[in-house]
Amino acid sequence: MLVVVSDTHSSETHRLRGRTLAAVREADLVVHVGDFYREPVLDAFEVEATTLRAVYGNNDDAAIRDRVPKARTVEYAGVRFAVTHRHRGGDTGLVMFGRERDADAVIYGHSHKPRFDATTSLPLLNPGSHAQPRGNRAAHAELDPIDDAGGGDGLLGRLVTPTGEVFREFQIDG
């Protein structure tokens, strides 16, 4: 399972709880889309996640910026993701960022609003914020490989609250 989290905004701890904490611990790969805030939070995620791939956000301190990139490409189960905290130009800018990286989808954060949008030419996934939802649902994303006898690449995804409520399901093809 791939788990995506973002916008922790903490000084000392990962602020993971409930299903979000369990998902991070169970995941093959965790992607954090920035705004840890302070370096001890990045350290705390590294303790909980088997494999962590992160980018820094606009509120991250210099120590985090020294350890993780602003943008990266991550592959999981045959799906290639372009990952950034935020990108100017709205959805169009995000799609262009994804195309530049030859991605199948884009993962981004910043807004604290959980969202999956497949109406653009590349799917856009924002996991929201598990810790500081700012009027939105607290959430993270979970993605599992499609069990396809034909060997097709793709992921079945869902947006999930820390209490375990699934409120959006989606698919991303590889």
C-alpha atoms as a PDB file:
ATOM      1  CA  MET A   1       0.000   0.000   0.000  1.00  0.00           C
ATOM      2  CA  LEU A   2       1.076   3.563  -0.779  1.00  0.00           C
ATOM      3  CA  VAL A   3       0.009   6.159   1.796  1.00  0.00           C
ATOM      4  CA  VAL A   4       0.063   9.899   1.090  1.00  0.00           C
ATOM      5  CA  VAL A   5       0.005  12.546   3.839  1.00  0.00           C
ATOM      6  CA  SER A   6       0.604  16.277   3.888  1.00  0.00           C
ATOM      7  CA  ASP A   7       0.564  19.484   5.899  1.00  0.00           C
ATOM      8  CA  THR A   8       1.431  18.226   9.373  1.00  0.00           C
ATOM      9  CA  HIS A   9       2.406  21.707  10.647  1.00  0.00           C
ATOM     10  CA  SER A  10       4.012  20.547  13.879  1.00  0.00           C
ATOM     11  CA  SER A  11       7.116  21.474  15.857  1.00  0.00           C
ATOM     12  CA  GLU A  12       7.766  18.184  17.615  1.00  0.00           C
ATOM     13  CA  THR A  13       5.653  15.197  16.570  1.00  0.00           C
ATOM     14  CA  HIS A  14       4.050  13.590  13.507  1.00  0.00           C
ATOM     15  CA  ARG A  15       0.505  14.129  14.873  1.00  0.00           C
ATOM     16  CA  LEU A  16      -0.585  10.820  13.330  1.00  0.00           C
ATOM     17  CA  ARG A  17      -3.542   9.088  14.978  1.00  0.00           C
ATOM     18  CA  GLY A  18      -6.092   6.371  14.393  1.00  0.00           C
ATOM     19  CA  ARG A  19      -6.318   4.952  10.881  1.00  0.00           C
ATOM     20  CA  THR A  20      -3.758   7.443   9.578  1.00  0.00           C
ATOM     21  CA  LEU A  21      -1.105   6.186  12.016  1.00  0.00           C
ATOM     22  CA  ALA A  22      -1.970   2.548  11.276  1.00  0.00           C
ATOM     23  CA  ALA A  23      -1.835   3.160   7.509  1.00  0.00           C
ATOM     24  CA  VAL A  24       1.583   4.835   7.733  1.00  0.00           C
ATOM     25  CA  ARG A  25       2.914   1.903   9.757  1.00  0.00           C
ATOM     26  CA  GLU A  26       1.425  -0.680   7.326  1.00  0.00           C
ATOM     27  CA  ALA A  27       2.477   1.050   4.095  1.00  0.00           C
ATOM     28  CA  ASP A  28       5.152  -0.197   1.728  1.00  0.00           C
ATOM     29  CA  LEU A  29       5.761   3.450   0.851  1.00  0.00           C
ATOM     30  CA  VAL A  30       4.732   6.738   2.472  1.00  0.00           C
ATOM     31  CA  VAL A  31       4.816   9.992   0.521  1.00  0.00           C
ATOM     32  CA  HIS A  32       4.715  13.210   2.574  1.00  0.00           C
ATOM     33  CA  VAL A  33       3.850  16.216   0.442  1.00  0.00           C
ATOM     34  CA  GLY A  34       5.463  18.876   2.615  1.00  0.00           C
ATOM     35  CA  ASP A  35       4.876  21.261   5.482  1.00  0.00           C
ATOM     36  CA  PHE A  36       6.240  19.059   8.229  1.00  0.00           C
ATOM     37  CA  TYR A  37       7.191  22.455   9.771  1.00  0.00           C
ATOM     38  CA  ARG A  38      10.219  21.543  11.945  1.00  0.00           C
ATOM     39  CA  GLU A  39      12.905  18.851  11.579  1.00  0.00           C
ATOM     40  CA  PRO A  40      11.833  16.669  14.552  1.00  0.00           C
ATOM     41  CA  VAL A  41       8.572  16.016  12.676  1.00  0.00           C
ATOM     42  CA  LEU A  42      10.455  14.634   9.663  1.00  0.00           C
ATOM     43  CA  ASP A  43      12.463  12.469  12.074  1.00  0.00           C
ATOM     44  CA  ALA A  44       9.222  11.188  13.654  1.00  0.00           C
ATOM     45  CA  PHE A  45       7.836  10.195  10.237  1.00  0.00           C
ATOM     46  CA  GLU A  46      11.040   8.340   9.434  1.00  0.00           C
ATOM     47  CA  VAL A  47      10.554   6.280  12.613  1.00  0.00           C
ATOM     48  CA  GLU A  48       6.962   5.300  11.701  1.00  0.00           C
ATOM     49  CA  ALA A  49       7.306   4.711   7.932  1.00  0.00           C
ATOM     50  CA  THR A  50       9.126   1.732   6.450  1.00  0.00           C
ATOM     51  CA  THR A  51      10.015   3.835   3.391  1.00  0.00           C
ATOM     52  CA  LEU A  52       9.430   7.597   3.287  1.00  0.00           C
ATOM     53  CA  ARG A  53       9.695   9.834   0.229  1.00  0.00           C
ATOM     54  CA  ALA A  54       9.061  13.494   0.987  1.00  0.00           C
ATOM     55  CA  VAL A  55       9.219  16.968  -0.472  1.00  0.00           C
ATOM     56  CA  TYR A  56       9.434  20.202   1.470  1.00  0.00           C
ATOM     57  CA  GLY A  57       6.658  22.741   1.717  1.00  0.00           C
ATOM     58  CA  ASN A  58       6.569  26.506   1.992  1.00  0.00           C
ATOM     59  CA  ASN A  59       6.525  26.387   5.824  1.00  0.00           C
ATOM     60  CA  ASP A  60       9.363  23.894   6.309  1.00  0.00           C
ATOM     61  CA  ASP A  61      12.535  24.992   8.080  1.00  0.00           C
ATOM     62  CA  ALA A  62      16.031  25.029   6.560  1.00  0.00           C
ATOM     63  CA  ALA A  63      16.956  21.684   8.151  1.00  0.00           C
ATOM     64  CA  ILE A  64      14.090  19.953   6.283  1.00  0.00           C
ATOM     65  CA  ARG A  65      14.963  21.760   3.034  1.00  0.00           C
ATOM     66  CA  ASP A  66      18.510  20.410   3.381  1.00  0.00           C
ATOM     67  CA  ARG A  67      17.218  16.832   3.654  1.00  0.00           C
ATOM     68  CA  VAL A  68      14.381  16.558   1.114  1.00  0.00           C
ATOM     69  CA  PRO A  69      13.832  18.092  -2.346  1.00  0.00           C
ATOM     70  CA  LYS A  70      11.222  20.626  -3.427  1.00  0.00           C
ATOM     71  CA  ALA A  71       9.867  18.168  -6.022  1.00  0.00           C
ATOM     72  CA  ARG A  72      10.481  14.551  -6.913  1.00  0.00           C
ATOM     73  CA  THR A  73       9.209  11.641  -8.969  1.00  0.00           C
ATOM     74  CA  VAL A  74       8.016   8.491  -7.200  1.00  0.00           C
ATOM     75  CA  GLU A  75       6.985   5.184  -8.743  1.00  0.00           C
ATOM     76  CA  TYR A  76       4.739   2.626  -7.111  1.00  0.00           C
ATOM     77  CA  ALA A  77       3.135  -0.464  -8.668  1.00  0.00           C
ATOM     78  CA  GLY A  78       3.801   0.731 -12.196  1.00  0.00           C
ATOM     79  CA  VAL A  79       2.381   4.220 -11.628  1.00  0.00           C
ATOM     80  CA  ARG A  80       4.674   7.242 -11.877  1.00  0.00           C
ATOM     81  CA  PHE A  81       3.843  10.262  -9.699  1.00  0.00           C
ATOM     82  CA  ALA A  82       5.176  13.811  -9.916  1.00  0.00           C
ATOM     83  CA  VAL A  83       5.243  15.094  -6.317  1.00  0.00           C
ATOM     84  CA  THR A  84       5.349  18.704  -5.108  1.00  0.00           C
ATOM     85  CA  HIS A  85       3.909  20.705  -2.239  1.00  0.00           C
ATOM     86  CA  ARG A  86       2.473  23.412  -4.431  1.00  0.00           C
ATOM     87  CA  HIS A  87       2.853  24.703  -7.964  1.00  0.00           C
ATOM     88  CA  ARG A  88       1.850  28.056  -9.389  1.00  0.00           C
ATOM     89  CA  GLY A  89      -0.727  28.064 -12.134  1.00  0.00           C
ATOM     90  CA  GLY A  90      -3.445  25.997 -10.454  1.00  0.00           C
ATOM     91  CA  ASP A  91      -4.522  22.730 -12.049  1.00  0.00           C
ATOM     92  CA  THR A  92      -2.949  23.656 -15.393  1.00  0.00           C
ATOM     93  CA  GLY A  93       0.412  24.305 -13.713  1.00  0.00           C
ATOM     94  CA  LEU A  94       0.185  20.995 -11.843  1.00  0.00           C
ATOM     95  CA  VAL A  95      -0.601  19.103 -15.054  1.00  0.00           C
ATOM     96  CA  MET A  96       2.340  20.771 -16.826  1.00  0.00           C
ATOM     97  CA  PHE A  97       4.601  19.863 -13.882  1.00  0.00           C
ATOM     98  CA  GLY A  98       3.437  16.239 -14.200  1.00  0.00           C
ATOM     99  CA  ARG A  99       3.974  16.165 -17.965  1.00  0.00           C
ATOM    100  CA  GLU A 100       7.527  17.514 -17.539  1.00  0.00           C
ATOM    101  CA  ARG A 101       8.239  14.508 -15.319  1.00  0.00           C
ATOM    102  CA  ASP A 102       6.485  12.018 -17.623  1.00  0.00           C
ATOM    103  CA  ALA A 103       4.103  11.169 -14.788  1.00  0.00           C
ATOM    104  CA  ASP A 104       0.840   9.252 -14.773  1.00  0.00           C
ATOM    105  CA  ALA A 105      -0.536  11.476 -11.975  1.00  0.00           C
ATOM    106  CA  VAL A 106       0.420  14.415  -9.736  1.00  0.00           C
ATOM    107  CA  ILE A 107       0.452  14.436  -5.937  1.00  0.00           C
ATOM    108  CA  TYR A 108       0.423  17.830  -4.240  1.00  0.00           C
ATOM    109  CA  GLY A 109      -0.513  19.459  -0.927  1.00  0.00           C
ATOM    110  CA  HIS A 110      -0.691  23.012   0.468  1.00  0.00           C
ATOM    111  CA  SER A 111      -4.471  23.618   0.424  1.00  0.00           C
ATOM    112  CA  HIS A 112      -5.289  21.200   3.291  1.00  0.00           C
ATOM    113  CA  LYS A 113      -8.302  20.170   1.183  1.00  0.00           C
ATOM    114  CA  PRO A 114      -8.492  16.449   0.289  1.00  0.00           C
ATOM    115  CA  ARG A 115      -9.168  16.096  -3.423  1.00  0.00           C
ATOM    116  CA  PHE A 116      -8.931  13.704  -6.326  1.00  0.00           C
ATOM    117  CA  ASP A 117      -9.605  15.153  -9.771  1.00  0.00           C
ATOM    118  CA  ALA A 118      -9.559  13.002 -12.905  1.00  0.00           C
ATOM    119  CA  THR A 119     -11.134  15.669 -15.148  1.00  0.00           C
ATOM    120  CA  THR A 120      -7.735  17.107 -16.073  1.00  0.00           C
ATOM    121  CA  SER A 121      -5.440  15.372 -18.577  1.00  0.00           C
ATOM    122  CA  LEU A 122      -3.410  13.997 -15.644  1.00  0.00           C
ATOM    123  CA  PRO A 123      -5.141  12.937 -12.409  1.00  0.00           C
ATOM    124  CA  LEU A 124      -4.452  15.251  -9.457  1.00  0.00           C
ATOM    125  CA  LEU A 125      -4.344  13.955  -5.868  1.00  0.00           C
ATOM    126  CA  ASN A 126      -4.215  16.101  -2.739  1.00  0.00           C
ATOM    127  CA  PRO A 127      -4.434  14.052   0.478  1.00  0.00           C
ATOM    128  CA  GLY A 128      -5.476  17.060   2.545  1.00  0.00           C
ATOM    129  CA  SER A 129      -4.064  17.387   6.045  1.00  0.00           C
ATOM    130  CA  HIS A 130      -4.264  14.640   8.651  1.00  0.00           C
ATOM    131  CA  ALA A 131      -3.367  17.083  11.441  1.00  0.00           C
ATOM    132  CA  GLN A 132      -4.580  20.585  10.557  1.00  0.00           C
ATOM    133  CA  PRO A 133      -7.561  20.373   8.192  1.00  0.00           C
ATOM    134  CA  ARG A 134      -8.442  24.110   8.365  1.00  0.00           C
ATOM    135  CA  GLY A 135     -12.182  23.617   7.949  1.00  0.00           C
ATOM    136  CA  ASN A 136     -11.837  20.579   5.662  1.00  0.00           C
ATOM    137  CA  ARG A 137     -11.977  16.913   6.647  1.00  0.00           C
ATOM    138  CA  ALA A 138      -8.786  15.621   8.237  1.00  0.00           C
ATOM    139  CA  ALA A 139      -7.558  13.023   5.752  1.00  0.00           C
ATOM    140  CA  HIS A 140      -4.860  11.006   4.064  1.00  0.00           C
ATOM    141  CA  ALA A 141      -4.816   8.889   0.881  1.00  0.00           C
ATOM    142  CA  GLU A 142      -4.329   5.125   0.602  1.00  0.00           C
ATOM    143  CA  LEU A 143      -3.568   3.451  -2.744  1.00  0.00           C
ATOM    144  CA  ASP A 144      -3.380  -0.288  -3.440  1.00  0.00           C
ATOM    145  CA  PRO A 145      -2.195  -2.081  -6.589  1.00  0.00           C
ATOM    146  CA  ILE A 146      -4.975  -3.363  -8.820  1.00  0.00           C
ATOM    147  CA  ASP A 147      -5.043  -7.156  -8.845  1.00  0.00           C
ATOM    148  CA  ASP A 148      -5.337  -7.635 -12.583  1.00  0.00           C
ATOM    149  CA  ALA A 149      -4.769 -11.062 -14.153  1.00  0.00           C
ATOM    150  CA  GLY A 150      -3.874  -9.238 -17.370  1.00  0.00           C
ATOM    151  CA  GLY A 151      -0.906  -7.616 -15.646  1.00  0.00           C
ATOM    152  CA  GLY A 152      -2.187  -4.062 -16.092  1.00  0.00           C
ATOM    153  CA  ASP A 153      -0.662  -1.283 -14.022  1.00  0.00           C
ATOM    154  CA  GLY A 154      -2.810   0.847 -11.816  1.00  0.00           C
ATOM    155  CA  LEU A 155      -3.922   1.719  -8.319  1.00  0.00           C
ATOM    156  CA  LEU A 156      -7.215   1.772  -6.479  1.00  0.00           C
ATOM    157  CA  GLY A 157      -7.249   4.727  -4.126  1.00  0.00           C
ATOM    158  CA  ARG A 158      -9.319   6.225  -1.371  1.00  0.00           C
ATOM    159  CA  LEU A 159      -9.365   9.324   0.780  1.00  0.00           C
ATOM    160  CA  VAL A 160      -9.690   8.318   4.430  1.00  0.00           C
ATOM    161  CA  THR A 161     -10.201  10.191   7.711  1.00  0.00           C
ATOM    162  CA  PRO A 162      -8.153   9.404  10.835  1.00  0.00           C
ATOM    163  CA  THR A 163     -11.272   7.645  12.184  1.00  0.00           C
ATOM    164  CA  GLY A 164     -11.215   5.285   9.169  1.00  0.00           C
ATOM    165  CA  GLU A 165     -14.112   6.762   7.193  1.00  0.00           C
ATOM    166  CA  VAL A 166     -13.576   6.366   3.439  1.00  0.00           C
ATOM    167  CA  PHE A 167     -15.200   9.339   1.738  1.00  0.00           C
ATOM    168  CA  ARG A 168     -13.829   9.152  -1.822  1.00  0.00           C
ATOM    169  CA  GLU A 169     -12.679   6.227  -3.961  1.00  0.00           C
ATOM    170  CA  PHE A 170     -10.802   6.517  -7.252  1.00  0.00           C
ATOM    171  CA  GLN A 171      -8.523   4.718  -9.707  1.00  0.00           C
ATOM    172  CA  ILE A 172      -5.227   5.801 -11.267  1.00  0.00           C
ATOM    173  CA  ASP A 173      -3.990   3.943 -14.328  1.00  0.00           C
ATOM    174  CA  GLY A 174      -0.302   3.374 -14.996  1.00  0.00           C
END
